[in-house]
Amino acid sequence: QVQLVESGGGLVQPGGSLRLSCAASGVIFGFYTVGWYRQAPGKQRELVAVSSRGGNIDVADSVKGRFTISRDNNNNMVYLQMNNLKPEHTAVYSCHAQRPPSTYWGQGPPVTVSS
């Protein structure tokens, strides 16, 4: 059974930082493209950052320079470092792993940026 379990979400003040973690079980992470998506209230889910199995990284233009994705294949982990957060970054952030035809989602920790 495949599980993606995120941690690290919560409430942070504008300008603060958070690091999201995603732990995978039941898969060999190195074979998967992994990434983070987010869904803000009243909006569609959107890609934040993705790391391919080959190591290529793509980050949404809206968060470039603020957010960094990294992965640890040996420990089946993927991380999202979020710096200089703004209220518009408030959303539910979900971990995603894909190796066609399989795709898996985590539950998503809420991130709230507010003073």
PDB file of N, CA and C in Angstrom:
ATOM      1  N   GLN A   1       0.850  -1.188   0.000  1.00  0.00           N
ATOM      2  CA  GLN A   1       0.000   0.000   0.000  1.00  0.00           C
ATOM      3  C   GLN A   1       0.888   1.241   0.000  1.00  0.00           C
ATOM      4  N   VAL A   2       0.614   2.140  -0.921  1.00  0.00           N
ATOM      5  CA  VAL A   2       1.404   3.355  -1.046  1.00  0.00           C
ATOM      6  C   VAL A   2       0.806   4.455  -0.177  1.00  0.00           C
ATOM      7  N   GLN A   3       1.654   5.123   0.557  1.00  0.00           N
ATOM      8  CA  GLN A   3       1.217   6.258   1.364  1.00  0.00           C
ATOM      9  C   GLN A   3       2.193   7.409   1.224  1.00  0.00           C
ATOM     10  N   LEU A   4       1.658   8.611   1.117  1.00  0.00           N
ATOM     11  CA  LEU A   4       2.441   9.835   1.172  1.00  0.00           C
ATOM     12  C   LEU A   4       1.936  10.625   2.373  1.00  0.00           C
ATOM     13  N   VAL A   5       2.821  10.905   3.305  1.00  0.00           N
ATOM     14  CA  VAL A   5       2.431  11.580   4.535  1.00  0.00           C
ATOM     15  C   VAL A   5       3.235  12.863   4.662  1.00  0.00           C
ATOM     16  N   GLU A   6       2.511  13.979   4.661  1.00  0.00           N
ATOM     17  CA  GLU A   6       3.179  15.265   4.767  1.00  0.00           C
ATOM     18  C   GLU A   6       3.224  15.753   6.209  1.00  0.00           C
ATOM     19  N   SER A   7       4.169  16.635   6.455  1.00  0.00           N
ATOM     20  CA  SER A   7       4.260  17.302   7.754  1.00  0.00           C
ATOM     21  C   SER A   7       4.911  18.667   7.544  1.00  0.00           C
ATOM     22  N   GLY A   8       4.768  19.509   8.550  1.00  0.00           N
ATOM     23  CA  GLY A   8       5.444  20.797   8.513  1.00  0.00           C
ATOM     24  C   GLY A   8       4.563  21.992   8.212  1.00  0.00           C
ATOM     25  N   GLY A   9       3.291  21.769   7.957  1.00  0.00           N
ATOM     26  CA  GLY A   9       2.405  22.893   7.687  1.00  0.00           C
ATOM     27  C   GLY A   9       2.033  23.615   8.973  1.00  0.00           C
ATOM     28  N   GLY A  10       1.264  24.682   8.830  1.00  0.00           N
ATOM     29  CA  GLY A  10       0.830  25.415  10.005  1.00  0.00           C
ATOM     30  C   GLY A  10       0.670  26.887   9.728  1.00  0.00           C
ATOM     31  N   LEU A  11       0.666  27.645  10.807  1.00  0.00           N
ATOM     32  CA  LEU A  11       0.485  29.100  10.742  1.00  0.00           C
ATOM     33  C   LEU A  11       1.850  29.777  10.826  1.00  0.00           C
ATOM     34  N   VAL A  12       2.072  30.713   9.937  1.00  0.00           N
ATOM     35  CA  VAL A  12       3.329  31.458   9.936  1.00  0.00           C
ATOM     36  C   VAL A  12       3.029  32.911   9.596  1.00  0.00           C
ATOM     37  N   GLN A  13       3.823  33.794  10.145  1.00  0.00           N
ATOM     38  CA  GLN A  13       3.644  35.217   9.851  1.00  0.00           C
ATOM     39  C   GLN A  13       4.240  35.572   8.501  1.00  0.00           C
ATOM     40  N   PRO A  14       3.719  36.607   7.873  1.00  0.00           N
ATOM     41  CA  PRO A  14       4.330  37.064   6.611  1.00  0.00           C
ATOM     42  C   PRO A  14       5.821  37.311   6.783  1.00  0.00           C
ATOM     43  N   GLY A  15       6.569  36.866   5.793  1.00  0.00           N
ATOM     44  CA  GLY A  15       8.019  36.976   5.864  1.00  0.00           C
ATOM     45  C   GLY A  15       8.695  35.772   6.486  1.00  0.00           C
ATOM     46  N   GLY A  16       7.913  34.898   7.075  1.00  0.00           N
ATOM     47  CA  GLY A  16       8.471  33.723   7.719  1.00  0.00           C
ATOM     48  C   GLY A  16       8.751  32.594   6.747  1.00  0.00           C
ATOM     49  N   SER A  17       9.220  31.487   7.299  1.00  0.00           N
ATOM     50  CA  SER A  17       9.583  30.314   6.507  1.00  0.00           C
ATOM     51  C   SER A  17       8.936  29.062   7.076  1.00  0.00           C
ATOM     52  N   LEU A  18       8.705  28.117   6.205  1.00  0.00           N
ATOM     53  CA  LEU A  18       8.251  26.784   6.594  1.00  0.00           C
ATOM     54  C   LEU A  18       8.940  25.771   5.706  1.00  0.00           C
ATOM     55  N   ARG A  19       9.116  24.588   6.257  1.00  0.00           N
ATOM     56  CA  ARG A  19       9.638  23.486   5.467  1.00  0.00           C
ATOM     57  C   ARG A  19       8.652  22.330   5.534  1.00  0.00           C
ATOM     58  N   LEU A  20       8.104  21.994   4.389  1.00  0.00           N
ATOM     59  CA  LEU A  20       7.202  20.858   4.306  1.00  0.00           C
ATOM     60  C   LEU A  20       7.995  19.610   3.985  1.00  0.00           C
ATOM     61  N   SER A  21       7.587  18.508   4.594  1.00  0.00           N
ATOM     62  CA  SER A  21       8.211  17.225   4.340  1.00  0.00           C
ATOM     63  C   SER A  21       7.150  16.240   3.877  1.00  0.00           C
ATOM     64  N   CYS A  22       7.550  15.328   3.022  1.00  0.00           N
ATOM     65  CA  CYS A  22       6.652  14.271   2.547  1.00  0.00           C
ATOM     66  C   CYS A  22       7.410  12.959   2.619  1.00  0.00           C
ATOM     67  N   ALA A  23       6.871  12.044   3.396  1.00  0.00           N
ATOM     68  CA  ALA A  23       7.466  10.726   3.541  1.00  0.00           C
ATOM     69  C   ALA A  23       6.634   9.708   2.778  1.00  0.00           C
ATOM     70  N   ALA A  24       7.294   8.938   1.937  1.00  0.00           N
ATOM     71  CA  ALA A  24       6.590   7.946   1.128  1.00  0.00           C
ATOM     72  C   ALA A  24       6.892   6.547   1.628  1.00  0.00           C
ATOM     73  N   SER A  25       5.888   5.707   1.556  1.00  0.00           N
ATOM     74  CA  SER A  25       6.071   4.291   1.858  1.00  0.00           C
ATOM     75  C   SER A  25       5.356   3.495   0.782  1.00  0.00           C
ATOM     76  N   GLY A  26       5.891   2.315   0.522  1.00  0.00           N
ATOM     77  CA  GLY A  26       5.268   1.452  -0.468  1.00  0.00           C
ATOM     78  C   GLY A  26       5.717   1.715  -1.888  1.00  0.00           C
ATOM     79  N   VAL A  27       6.658   2.663  -2.059  1.00  0.00           N
ATOM     80  CA  VAL A  27       7.194   2.945  -3.391  1.00  0.00           C
ATOM     81  C   VAL A  27       8.699   3.161  -3.278  1.00  0.00           C
ATOM     82  N   ILE A  28       9.399   3.011  -4.375  1.00  0.00           N
ATOM     83  CA  ILE A  28      10.807   3.379  -4.450  1.00  0.00           C
ATOM     84  C   ILE A  28      10.846   4.759  -5.088  1.00  0.00           C
ATOM     85  N   PHE A  29      11.065   5.753  -4.252  1.00  0.00           N
ATOM     86  CA  PHE A  29      10.913   7.143  -4.671  1.00  0.00           C
ATOM     87  C   PHE A  29      11.768   7.503  -5.867  1.00  0.00           C
ATOM     88  N   GLY A  30      12.924   6.892  -5.958  1.00  0.00           N
ATOM     89  CA  GLY A  30      13.842   7.237  -7.034  1.00  0.00           C
ATOM     90  C   GLY A  30      13.281   6.978  -8.421  1.00  0.00           C
ATOM     91  N   PHE A  31      12.259   6.160  -8.518  1.00  0.00           N
ATOM     92  CA  PHE A  31      11.655   5.847  -9.804  1.00  0.00           C
ATOM     93  C   PHE A  31      10.550   6.828 -10.192  1.00  0.00           C
ATOM     94  N   TYR A  32      10.238   7.758  -9.283  1.00  0.00           N
ATOM     95  CA  TYR A  32       9.067   8.614  -9.456  1.00  0.00           C
ATOM     96  C   TYR A  32       9.441  10.078  -9.683  1.00  0.00           C
ATOM     97  N   THR A  33       8.614  10.734 -10.440  1.00  0.00           N
ATOM     98  CA  THR A  33       8.587  12.193 -10.432  1.00  0.00           C
ATOM     99  C   THR A  33       7.784  12.629  -9.216  1.00  0.00           C
ATOM    100  N   VAL A  34       8.356  13.493  -8.414  1.00  0.00           N
ATOM    101  CA  VAL A  34       7.685  13.925  -7.190  1.00  0.00           C
ATOM    102  C   VAL A  34       7.542  15.439  -7.180  1.00  0.00           C
ATOM    103  N   GLY A  35       6.526  15.875  -6.499  1.00  0.00           N
ATOM    104  CA  GLY A  35       6.309  17.314  -6.503  1.00  0.00           C
ATOM    105  C   GLY A  35       5.327  17.763  -5.449  1.00  0.00           C
ATOM    106  N   TRP A  36       5.119  19.064  -5.436  1.00  0.00           N
ATOM    107  CA  TRP A  36       4.179  19.706  -4.527  1.00  0.00           C
ATOM    108  C   TRP A  36       3.177  20.526  -5.333  1.00  0.00           C
ATOM    109  N   TYR A  37       1.928  20.391  -4.949  1.00  0.00           N
ATOM    110  CA  TYR A  37       0.853  21.179  -5.510  1.00  0.00           C
ATOM    111  C   TYR A  37       0.174  21.925  -4.363  1.00  0.00           C
ATOM    112  N   ARG A  38      -0.573  22.936  -4.710  1.00  0.00           N
ATOM    113  CA  ARG A  38      -1.321  23.637  -3.681  1.00  0.00           C
ATOM    114  C   ARG A  38      -2.690  24.047  -4.207  1.00  0.00           C
ATOM    115  N   GLN A  39      -3.605  24.168  -3.272  1.00  0.00           N
ATOM    116  CA  GLN A  39      -4.937  24.633  -3.613  1.00  0.00           C
ATOM    117  C   GLN A  39      -5.351  25.673  -2.597  1.00  0.00           C
ATOM    118  N   ALA A  40      -5.486  26.893  -3.056  1.00  0.00           N
ATOM    119  CA  ALA A  40      -5.916  27.982  -2.203  1.00  0.00           C
ATOM    120  C   ALA A  40      -7.445  28.006  -2.153  1.00  0.00           C
ATOM    121  N   PRO A  41      -7.998  28.590  -1.122  1.00  0.00           N
ATOM    122  CA  PRO A  41      -9.466  28.647  -1.007  1.00  0.00           C
ATOM    123  C   PRO A  41     -10.110  29.275  -2.243  1.00  0.00           C
ATOM    124  N   GLY A  42     -11.062  28.567  -2.815  1.00  0.00           N
ATOM    125  CA  GLY A  42     -11.784  29.076  -3.968  1.00  0.00           C
ATOM    126  C   GLY A  42     -11.037  29.009  -5.275  1.00  0.00           C
ATOM    127  N   LYS A  43      -9.858  28.364  -5.283  1.00  0.00           N
ATOM    128  CA  LYS A  43      -9.065  28.290  -6.508  1.00  0.00           C
ATOM    129  C   LYS A  43      -8.787  26.844  -6.879  1.00  0.00           C
ATOM    130  N   GLN A  44      -8.341  26.650  -8.112  1.00  0.00           N
ATOM    131  CA  GLN A  44      -7.981  25.317  -8.558  1.00  0.00           C
ATOM    132  C   GLN A  44      -6.602  24.939  -8.036  1.00  0.00           C
ATOM    133  N   ARG A  45      -6.381  23.658  -7.970  1.00  0.00           N
ATOM    134  CA  ARG A  45      -5.068  23.165  -7.566  1.00  0.00           C
ATOM    135  C   ARG A  45      -4.044  23.527  -8.642  1.00  0.00           C
ATOM    136  N   GLU A  46      -2.852  23.904  -8.181  1.00  0.00           N
ATOM    137  CA  GLU A  46      -1.813  24.295  -9.124  1.00  0.00           C
ATOM    138  C   GLU A  46      -0.478  23.696  -8.706  1.00  0.00           C
ATOM    139  N   LEU A  47       0.384  23.524  -9.697  1.00  0.00           N
ATOM    140  CA  LEU A  47       1.710  22.995  -9.444  1.00  0.00           C
ATOM    141  C   LEU A  47       2.561  24.056  -8.768  1.00  0.00           C
ATOM    142  N   VAL A  48       3.292  23.645  -7.741  1.00  0.00           N
ATOM    143  CA  VAL A  48       4.240  24.530  -7.072  1.00  0.00           C
ATOM    144  C   VAL A  48       5.659  24.218  -7.537  1.00  0.00           C
ATOM    145  N   ALA A  49       6.038  22.955  -7.433  1.00  0.00           N
ATOM    146  CA  ALA A  49       7.388  22.564  -7.817  1.00  0.00           C
ATOM    147  C   ALA A  49       7.403  21.065  -8.066  1.00  0.00           C
ATOM    148  N   VAL A  50       8.273  20.632  -8.970  1.00  0.00           N
ATOM    149  CA  VAL A  50       8.352  19.222  -9.298  1.00  0.00           C
ATOM    150  C   VAL A  50       9.808  18.835  -9.529  1.00  0.00           C
ATOM    151  N   SER A  51      10.130  17.612  -9.157  1.00  0.00           N
ATOM    152  CA  SER A  51      11.466  17.062  -9.350  1.00  0.00           C
ATOM    153  C   SER A  51      11.333  15.732 -10.080  1.00  0.00           C
ATOM    154  N   SER A  52      11.886  15.653 -11.255  1.00  0.00           N
ATOM    155  CA  SER A  52      11.769  14.419 -12.028  1.00  0.00           C
ATOM    156  C   SER A  52      12.730  13.366 -11.493  1.00  0.00           C
ATOM    157  N   ARG A  53      12.524  12.156 -11.903  1.00  0.00           N
ATOM    158  CA  ARG A  53      13.396  11.071 -11.462  1.00  0.00           C
ATOM    159  C   ARG A  53      14.812  11.288 -11.960  1.00  0.00           C
ATOM    160  N   GLY A  54      14.957  12.053 -13.013  1.00  0.00           N
ATOM    161  CA  GLY A  54      16.288  12.355 -13.536  1.00  0.00           C
ATOM    162  C   GLY A  54      16.957  13.538 -12.873  1.00  0.00           C
ATOM    163  N   GLY A  55      16.232  14.175 -11.950  1.00  0.00           N
ATOM    164  CA  GLY A  55      16.813  15.287 -11.221  1.00  0.00           C
ATOM    165  C   GLY A  55      16.462  16.657 -11.760  1.00  0.00           C
ATOM    166  N   ASN A  56      15.681  16.709 -12.845  1.00  0.00           N
ATOM    167  CA  ASN A  56      15.258  18.011 -13.358  1.00  0.00           C
ATOM    168  C   ASN A  56      14.218  18.618 -12.425  1.00  0.00           C
ATOM    169  N   ILE A  57      14.343  19.910 -12.219  1.00  0.00           N
ATOM    170  CA  ILE A  57      13.456  20.617 -11.302  1.00  0.00           C
ATOM    171  C   ILE A  57      12.735  21.736 -12.026  1.00  0.00           C
ATOM    172  N   ASP A  58      11.474  21.865 -11.741  1.00  0.00           N
ATOM    173  CA  ASP A  58      10.675  22.939 -12.298  1.00  0.00           C
ATOM    174  C   ASP A  58       9.903  23.587 -11.155  1.00  0.00           C
ATOM    175  N   VAL A  59       9.962  24.895 -11.083  1.00  0.00           N
ATOM    176  CA  VAL A  59       9.287  25.640 -10.021  1.00  0.00           C
ATOM    177  C   VAL A  59       8.370  26.675 -10.665  1.00  0.00           C
ATOM    178  N   ALA A  60       7.179  26.801 -10.130  1.00  0.00           N
ATOM    179  CA  ALA A  60       6.228  27.776 -10.659  1.00  0.00           C
ATOM    180  C   ALA A  60       6.830  29.175 -10.604  1.00  0.00           C
ATOM    181  N   ASP A  61       6.569  29.952 -11.631  1.00  0.00           N
ATOM    182  CA  ASP A  61       7.122  31.303 -11.705  1.00  0.00           C
ATOM    183  C   ASP A  61       6.734  32.136 -10.489  1.00  0.00           C
ATOM    184  N   SER A  62       5.531  31.899  -9.978  1.00  0.00           N
ATOM    185  CA  SER A  62       5.033  32.709  -8.873  1.00  0.00           C
ATOM    186  C   SER A  62       5.810  32.521  -7.587  1.00  0.00           C
ATOM    187  N   VAL A  63       6.573  31.431  -7.470  1.00  0.00           N
ATOM    188  CA  VAL A  63       7.319  31.166  -6.236  1.00  0.00           C
ATOM    189  C   VAL A  63       8.808  30.997  -6.459  1.00  0.00           C
ATOM    190  N   LYS A  64       9.268  31.215  -7.672  1.00  0.00           N
ATOM    191  CA  LYS A  64      10.707  31.109  -7.938  1.00  0.00           C
ATOM    192  C   LYS A  64      11.474  32.092  -7.069  1.00  0.00           C
ATOM    193  N   GLY A  65      12.553  31.613  -6.509  1.00  0.00           N
ATOM    194  CA  GLY A  65      13.353  32.447  -5.626  1.00  0.00           C
ATOM    195  C   GLY A  65      12.900  32.408  -4.184  1.00  0.00           C
ATOM    196  N   ARG A  66      11.690  31.873  -3.953  1.00  0.00           N
ATOM    197  CA  ARG A  66      11.168  31.758  -2.587  1.00  0.00           C
ATOM    198  C   ARG A  66      11.081  30.308  -2.141  1.00  0.00           C
ATOM    199  N   PHE A  67      10.655  29.437  -3.055  1.00  0.00           N
ATOM    200  CA  PHE A  67      10.415  28.041  -2.719  1.00  0.00           C
ATOM    201  C   PHE A  67      11.465  27.154  -3.391  1.00  0.00           C
ATOM    202  N   THR A  68      11.885  26.126  -2.676  1.00  0.00           N
ATOM    203  CA  THR A  68      12.862  25.178  -3.192  1.00  0.00           C
ATOM    204  C   THR A  68      12.399  23.762  -2.920  1.00  0.00           C
ATOM    205  N   ILE A  69      12.430  22.928  -3.942  1.00  0.00           N
ATOM    206  CA  ILE A  69      12.093  21.521  -3.769  1.00  0.00           C
ATOM    207  C   ILE A  69      13.376  20.712  -3.730  1.00  0.00           C
ATOM    208  N   SER A  70      13.392  19.707  -2.875  1.00  0.00           N
ATOM    209  CA  SER A  70      14.527  18.795  -2.815  1.00  0.00           C
ATOM    210  C   SER A  70      14.004  17.407  -2.470  1.00  0.00           C
ATOM    211  N   ARG A  71      14.813  16.408  -2.773  1.00  0.00           N
ATOM    212  CA  ARG A  71      14.392  15.041  -2.526  1.00  0.00           C
ATOM    213  C   ARG A  71      15.547  14.227  -1.972  1.00  0.00           C
ATOM    214  N   ASP A  72      15.202  13.218  -1.205  1.00  0.00           N
ATOM    215  CA  ASP A  72      16.154  12.268  -0.646  1.00  0.00           C
ATOM    216  C   ASP A  72      15.644  10.894  -1.015  1.00  0.00           C
ATOM    217  N   ASN A  73      16.134  10.375  -2.108  1.00  0.00           N
ATOM    218  CA  ASN A  73      15.626   9.092  -2.594  1.00  0.00           C
ATOM    219  C   ASN A  73      15.971   7.941  -1.650  1.00  0.00           C
ATOM    220  N   ASN A  74      17.095   8.048  -0.983  1.00  0.00           N
ATOM    221  CA  ASN A  74      17.499   6.962  -0.069  1.00  0.00           C
ATOM    222  C   ASN A  74      16.495   6.782   1.064  1.00  0.00           C
ATOM    223  N   ASN A  75      15.860   7.889   1.456  1.00  0.00           N
ATOM    224  CA  ASN A  75      14.909   7.846   2.568  1.00  0.00           C
ATOM    225  C   ASN A  75      13.466   8.082   2.127  1.00  0.00           C
ATOM    226  N   ASN A  76      13.249   8.093   0.813  1.00  0.00           N
ATOM    227  CA  ASN A  76      11.890   8.264   0.281  1.00  0.00           C
ATOM    228  C   ASN A  76      11.240   9.538   0.805  1.00  0.00           C
ATOM    229  N   MET A  77      11.984  10.641   0.714  1.00  0.00           N
ATOM    230  CA  MET A  77      11.482  11.916   1.215  1.00  0.00           C
ATOM    231  C   MET A  77      11.558  12.980   0.133  1.00  0.00           C
ATOM    232  N   VAL A  78      10.608  13.904   0.168  1.00  0.00           N
ATOM    233  CA  VAL A  78      10.681  15.104  -0.656  1.00  0.00           C
ATOM    234  C   VAL A  78      10.315  16.286   0.239  1.00  0.00           C
ATOM    235  N   TYR A  79      10.957  17.401  -0.010  1.00  0.00           N
ATOM    236  CA  TYR A  79      10.803  18.572   0.842  1.00  0.00           C
ATOM    237  C   TYR A  79      10.437  19.792   0.007  1.00  0.00           C
ATOM    238  N   LEU A  80       9.783  20.720   0.660  1.00  0.00           N
ATOM    239  CA  LEU A  80       9.523  22.020   0.052  1.00  0.00           C
ATOM    240  C   LEU A  80       9.900  23.082   1.069  1.00  0.00           C
ATOM    241  N   GLN A  81      10.975  23.786   0.789  1.00  0.00           N
ATOM    242  CA  GLN A  81      11.400  24.894   1.634  1.00  0.00           C
ATOM    243  C   GLN A  81      10.749  26.165   1.124  1.00  0.00           C
ATOM    244  N   MET A  82      10.002  26.824   1.987  1.00  0.00           N
ATOM    245  CA  MET A  82       9.269  28.026   1.603  1.00  0.00           C
ATOM    246  C   MET A  82       9.772  29.195   2.433  1.00  0.00           C
ATOM    247  N   ASN A  83      10.313  30.192   1.770  1.00  0.00           N
ATOM    248  CA  ASN A  83      10.879  31.359   2.450  1.00  0.00           C
ATOM    249  C   ASN A  83      10.124  32.625   2.069  1.00  0.00           C
ATOM    250  N   ASN A  84      10.213  33.603   2.943  1.00  0.00           N
ATOM    251  CA  ASN A  84       9.611  34.908   2.708  1.00  0.00           C
ATOM    252  C   ASN A  84       8.139  34.757   2.296  1.00  0.00           C
ATOM    253  N   LEU A  85       7.415  34.043   3.098  1.00  0.00           N
ATOM    254  CA  LEU A  85       6.025  33.721   2.775  1.00  0.00           C
ATOM    255  C   LEU A  85       5.132  34.956   2.826  1.00  0.00           C
ATOM    256  N   LYS A  86       4.132  34.910   1.962  1.00  0.00           N
ATOM    257  CA  LYS A  86       3.153  35.989   1.887  1.00  0.00           C
ATOM    258  C   LYS A  86       1.757  35.427   2.120  1.00  0.00           C
ATOM    259  N   PRO A  87       0.805  36.270   2.480  1.00  0.00           N
ATOM    260  CA  PRO A  87      -0.563  35.785   2.689  1.00  0.00           C
ATOM    261  C   PRO A  87      -1.120  35.039   1.471  1.00  0.00           C
ATOM    262  N   GLU A  88      -0.719  35.434   0.269  1.00  0.00           N
ATOM    263  CA  GLU A  88      -1.230  34.755  -0.925  1.00  0.00           C
ATOM    264  C   GLU A  88      -0.684  33.346  -1.094  1.00  0.00           C
ATOM    265  N   HIS A  89       0.248  32.957  -0.267  1.00  0.00           N
ATOM    266  CA  HIS A  89       0.764  31.590  -0.282  1.00  0.00           C
ATOM    267  C   HIS A  89      -0.091  30.651   0.582  1.00  0.00           C
ATOM    268  N   THR A  90      -1.084  31.207   1.236  1.00  0.00           N
ATOM    269  CA  THR A  90      -1.986  30.389   2.039  1.00  0.00           C
ATOM    270  C   THR A  90      -2.715  29.388   1.155  1.00  0.00           C
ATOM    271  N   ALA A  91      -2.611  28.112   1.502  1.00  0.00           N
ATOM    272  CA  ALA A  91      -3.212  27.044   0.700  1.00  0.00           C
ATOM    273  C   ALA A  91      -3.001  25.714   1.409  1.00  0.00           C
ATOM    274  N   VAL A  92      -3.644  24.699   0.861  1.00  0.00           N
ATOM    275  CA  VAL A  92      -3.341  23.325   1.252  1.00  0.00           C
ATOM    276  C   VAL A  92      -2.300  22.805   0.274  1.00  0.00           C
ATOM    277  N   TYR A  93      -1.180  22.355   0.806  1.00  0.00           N
ATOM    278  CA  TYR A  93      -0.069  21.902  -0.019  1.00  0.00           C
ATOM    279  C   TYR A  93      -0.028  20.370   0.001  1.00  0.00           C
ATOM    280  N   SER A  94      -0.035  19.776  -1.168  1.00  0.00           N
ATOM    281  CA  SER A  94      -0.095  18.318  -1.267  1.00  0.00           C
ATOM    282  C   SER A  94       1.140  17.779  -1.977  1.00  0.00           C
ATOM    283  N   CYS A  95       1.613  16.682  -1.458  1.00  0.00           N
ATOM    284  CA  CYS A  95       2.726  15.963  -2.049  1.00  0.00           C
ATOM    285  C   CYS A  95       2.169  15.039  -3.141  1.00  0.00           C
ATOM    286  N   HIS A  96       2.933  14.860  -4.197  1.00  0.00           N
ATOM    287  CA  HIS A  96       2.482  14.057  -5.328  1.00  0.00           C
ATOM    288  C   HIS A  96       3.639  13.221  -5.842  1.00  0.00           C
ATOM    289  N   ALA A  97       3.358  11.979  -6.190  1.00  0.00           N
ATOM    290  CA  ALA A  97       4.354  11.093  -6.784  1.00  0.00           C
ATOM    291  C   ALA A  97       3.730  10.417  -7.997  1.00  0.00           C
ATOM    292  N   GLN A  98       4.500  10.386  -9.069  1.00  0.00           N
ATOM    293  CA  GLN A  98       3.947   9.846 -10.308  1.00  0.00           C
ATOM    294  C   GLN A  98       4.977   9.013 -11.051  1.00  0.00           C
ATOM    295  N   ARG A  99       4.517   7.865 -11.478  1.00  0.00           N
ATOM    296  CA  ARG A  99       5.257   7.030 -12.418  1.00  0.00           C
ATOM    297  C   ARG A  99       4.188   6.357 -13.253  1.00  0.00           C
ATOM    298  N   PRO A 100       3.900   6.942 -14.426  1.00  0.00           N
ATOM    299  CA  PRO A 100       2.763   6.453 -15.213  1.00  0.00           C
ATOM    300  C   PRO A 100       2.763   4.950 -15.349  1.00  0.00           C
ATOM    301  N   PRO A 101       1.610   4.298 -15.155  1.00  0.00           N
ATOM    302  CA  PRO A 101       0.294   4.907 -14.987  1.00  0.00           C
ATOM    303  C   PRO A 101      -0.090   5.211 -13.539  1.00  0.00           C
ATOM    304  N   SER A 102       0.860   5.053 -12.607  1.00  0.00           N
ATOM    305  CA  SER A 102       0.526   5.237 -11.197  1.00  0.00           C
ATOM    306  C   SER A 102       0.721   6.688 -10.772  1.00  0.00           C
ATOM    307  N   THR A 103      -0.184   7.160  -9.947  1.00  0.00           N
ATOM    308  CA  THR A 103      -0.067   8.495  -9.372  1.00  0.00           C
ATOM    309  C   THR A 103      -0.628   8.461  -7.961  1.00  0.00           C
ATOM    310  N   TYR A 104       0.056   9.157  -7.058  1.00  0.00           N
ATOM    311  CA  TYR A 104      -0.319   9.129  -5.656  1.00  0.00           C
ATOM    312  C   TYR A 104      -0.307  10.538  -5.094  1.00  0.00           C
ATOM    313  N   TRP A 105      -1.216  10.754  -4.134  1.00  0.00           N
ATOM    314  CA  TRP A 105      -1.338  12.059  -3.484  1.00  0.00           C
ATOM    315  C   TRP A 105      -1.299  11.901  -1.980  1.00  0.00           C
ATOM    316  N   GLY A 106      -0.726  12.893  -1.328  1.00  0.00           N
ATOM    317  CA  GLY A 106      -0.829  12.989   0.110  1.00  0.00           C
ATOM    318  C   GLY A 106      -2.074  13.778   0.488  1.00  0.00           C
ATOM    319  N   GLN A 107      -2.351  13.832   1.799  1.00  0.00           N
ATOM    320  CA  GLN A 107      -3.550  14.523   2.269  1.00  0.00           C
ATOM    321  C   GLN A 107      -3.409  16.025   2.204  1.00  0.00           C
ATOM    322  N   GLY A 108      -2.201  16.506   2.360  1.00  0.00           N
ATOM    323  CA  GLY A 108      -1.973  17.935   2.232  1.00  0.00           C
ATOM    324  C   GLY A 108      -2.033  18.677   3.539  1.00  0.00           C
ATOM    325  N   PRO A 109      -0.919  19.242   4.017  1.00  0.00           N
ATOM    326  CA  PRO A 109      -0.983  20.089   5.201  1.00  0.00           C
ATOM    327  C   PRO A 109      -1.401  21.511   4.832  1.00  0.00           C
ATOM    328  N   PRO A 110      -2.294  22.118   5.600  1.00  0.00           N
ATOM    329  CA  PRO A 110      -2.638  23.513   5.340  1.00  0.00           C
ATOM    330  C   PRO A 110      -1.499  24.425   5.775  1.00  0.00           C
ATOM    331  N   VAL A 111      -1.267  25.415   4.986  1.00  0.00           N
ATOM    332  CA  VAL A 111      -0.300  26.458   5.304  1.00  0.00           C
ATOM    333  C   VAL A 111      -1.066  27.775   5.320  1.00  0.00           C
ATOM    334  N   THR A 112      -0.986  28.456   6.440  1.00  0.00           N
ATOM    335  CA  THR A 112      -1.672  29.739   6.590  1.00  0.00           C
ATOM    336  C   THR A 112      -0.639  30.808   6.896  1.00  0.00           C
ATOM    337  N   VAL A 113      -0.607  31.814   6.051  1.00  0.00           N
ATOM    338  CA  VAL A 113       0.321  32.925   6.236  1.00  0.00           C
ATOM    339  C   VAL A 113      -0.502  34.142   6.657  1.00  0.00           C
ATOM    340  N   SER A 114      -0.344  34.503   7.907  1.00  0.00           N
ATOM    341  CA  SER A 114      -1.169  35.588   8.442  1.00  0.00           C
ATOM    342  C   SER A 114      -0.501  36.192   9.662  1.00  0.00           C
ATOM    343  N   SER A 115      -0.737  37.465   9.847  1.00  0.00           N
ATOM    344  CA  SER A 115      -0.216  38.133  11.042  1.00  0.00           C
ATOM    345  C   SER A 115      -1.275  38.147  12.136  1.00  0.00           C
TER     346      SER A 115
END
